Amino acid sequence: MNIRKPLARLGFVTAGVTLAVTAWAAPAQAHPWAAWIGYGQPNDSHGVVCFQDLFNDLWWKTGYHPIAEDRVFGPDTDGAIRAFQQWKGLRPDGIVGPATGSALLDETRDNWQGCDYYIPSY
């Protein structure tokens, strides 16, 4: 019996399990192409609706009102971004960049539903 093949298979299985567990346990990271959200930014509709959805999970903490989840960046979404930034002690510039995105993902950790793919973060 050749022991090399079973050991090689065991090595591949072990590596695969390790990779899967590490990826599952790691904090969310934005993809390099996650567009910033705000006036003068690309405002990808997926990113905008993700912000709107995640913001609506915690609007009551910010002193702002719930906003429409319509995939459109406008004055109401801008106001929600600024209210969230103010609440988190960030500079309220109305732009969801890595600092705001990371804070938003941290606050809504249990309800991302794939939004970590579209929200810029560290």
Protein backbone atom coordinates (compact mmCIF):
# COMPACT_ATOMS: atom_id res chain seq x y z
CA MET A 1 0.00 0.00 0.00
CA ASN A 2 1.32 3.39 -1.00
CA ILE A 3 1.00 5.76 1.96
CA ARG A 4 1.75 8.91 -0.05
CA LYS A 5 -1.69 9.23 -1.67
CA PRO A 6 -3.72 9.04 1.56
CA LEU A 7 -1.33 11.47 3.28
CA ALA A 8 -1.55 13.88 0.35
CA ARG A 9 -5.35 13.71 0.46
CA LEU A 10 -5.30 14.31 4.21
CA GLY A 11 -3.07 17.33 3.66
CA PHE A 12 -5.46 18.81 1.09
CA VAL A 13 -8.48 18.21 3.32
CA THR A 14 -6.73 19.76 6.32
CA ALA A 15 -5.68 22.79 4.30
CA GLY A 16 -9.21 23.21 2.94
CA VAL A 17 -10.80 23.00 6.38
CA THR A 18 -8.28 25.46 7.81
CA LEU A 19 -8.91 27.91 5.00
CA ALA A 20 -12.69 27.63 5.38
CA VAL A 21 -12.60 28.15 9.16
CA THR A 22 -10.20 31.09 8.86
CA ALA A 23 -12.34 32.77 6.20
CA TRP A 24 -15.51 32.23 8.25
CA ALA A 25 -14.00 33.59 11.47
CA ALA A 26 -12.27 36.60 9.91
CA PRO A 27 -13.88 40.04 10.11
CA ALA A 28 -15.58 41.30 6.98
CA GLN A 29 -13.44 43.17 4.52
CA ALA A 30 -14.64 45.26 1.64
CA HIS A 31 -13.54 44.31 -1.78
CA PRO A 32 -11.07 46.72 -3.41
CA TRP A 33 -13.74 47.91 -5.79
CA ALA A 34 -16.35 48.79 -3.16
CA ALA A 35 -17.42 52.27 -4.23
CA TRP A 36 -17.69 55.12 -1.77
CA ILE A 37 -21.18 56.53 -1.24
CA GLY A 38 -22.03 60.24 -1.10
CA TYR A 39 -22.34 63.35 -3.22
CA GLY A 40 -19.57 63.34 -5.84
CA GLN A 41 -19.02 59.57 -5.41
CA PRO A 42 -19.91 56.70 -7.80
CA ASN A 43 -22.97 55.74 -5.67
CA ASP A 44 -23.32 52.16 -6.87
CA SER A 45 -26.99 51.24 -6.38
CA HIS A 46 -26.04 48.07 -4.45
CA GLY A 47 -23.92 50.07 -2.03
CA VAL A 48 -26.60 52.72 -1.63
CA VAL A 49 -29.35 50.20 -0.84
CA CYS A 50 -27.02 48.35 1.52
CA PHE A 51 -26.36 51.57 3.42
CA GLN A 52 -30.08 52.36 3.46
CA ASP A 53 -30.98 48.88 4.72
CA LEU A 54 -28.29 48.76 7.40
CA PHE A 55 -29.05 52.32 8.52
CA ASN A 56 -32.71 51.41 8.95
CA ASP A 57 -31.64 48.72 11.42
CA LEU A 58 -30.38 51.43 13.78
CA TRP A 59 -31.99 54.72 12.73
CA TRP A 60 -33.56 55.20 16.16
CA LYS A 61 -30.10 55.37 17.77
CA THR A 62 -29.02 58.24 15.52
CA GLY A 63 -31.86 60.72 16.04
CA TYR A 64 -32.73 60.54 12.33
CA HIS A 65 -35.77 58.88 10.79
CA PRO A 66 -35.96 55.66 8.71
CA ILE A 67 -35.17 56.21 5.04
CA ALA A 68 -36.50 54.69 1.82
CA GLU A 69 -34.57 51.67 0.57
CA ASP A 70 -34.85 52.77 -3.04
CA ARG A 71 -31.23 52.39 -4.30
CA VAL A 72 -31.12 56.14 -5.04
CA PHE A 73 -28.68 58.47 -3.33
CA GLY A 74 -30.37 61.75 -2.46
CA PRO A 75 -30.83 64.28 0.35
CA ASP A 76 -32.49 61.80 2.72
CA THR A 77 -29.66 59.26 2.36
CA ASP A 78 -27.12 62.06 2.75
CA GLY A 79 -28.85 63.16 5.96
CA ALA A 80 -28.83 59.60 7.25
CA ILE A 81 -25.11 59.23 6.56
CA ARG A 82 -24.38 62.49 8.39
CA ALA A 83 -26.59 61.49 11.33
CA PHE A 84 -24.84 58.12 11.56
CA GLN A 85 -21.41 59.75 11.40
CA GLN A 86 -22.36 62.28 14.09
CA TRP A 87 -23.68 59.49 16.32
CA LYS A 88 -20.45 57.49 15.91
CA GLY A 89 -18.21 60.50 16.53
CA LEU A 90 -16.95 60.64 12.95
CA ARG A 91 -16.59 63.77 10.87
CA PRO A 92 -20.09 64.25 9.36
CA ASP A 93 -19.02 64.72 5.74
CA GLY A 94 -21.86 62.69 4.19
CA ILE A 95 -19.53 60.16 2.55
CA VAL A 96 -19.46 56.45 3.33
CA GLY A 97 -15.76 55.70 3.01
CA PRO A 98 -13.74 53.09 4.91
CA ALA A 99 -14.13 54.70 8.37
CA THR A 100 -17.91 55.14 8.11
CA GLY A 101 -18.33 51.79 6.36
CA SER A 102 -16.37 49.95 9.04
CA ALA A 103 -18.40 51.62 11.79
CA LEU A 104 -21.66 50.75 10.01
CA LEU A 105 -20.65 47.11 9.52
CA ASP A 106 -19.55 46.86 13.16
CA GLU A 107 -22.89 48.23 14.39
CA THR A 108 -24.99 45.96 12.16
CA ARG A 109 -22.84 42.84 12.37
CA ASP A 110 -25.81 40.44 12.53
CA ASN A 111 -27.62 41.78 9.45
CA TRP A 112 -25.08 42.29 6.65
CA GLN A 113 -26.73 39.93 4.15
CA GLY A 114 -23.81 40.35 1.75
CA CYS A 115 -23.53 44.10 2.20
CA ASP A 116 -19.91 43.84 3.34
CA TYR A 117 -19.21 43.28 -0.36
CA TYR A 118 -20.57 46.73 -1.28
CA ILE A 119 -19.73 48.90 1.74
CA PRO A 120 -16.16 50.27 1.84
CA SER A 121 -14.31 49.35 5.03
CA TYR A 122 -10.85 48.68 6.40
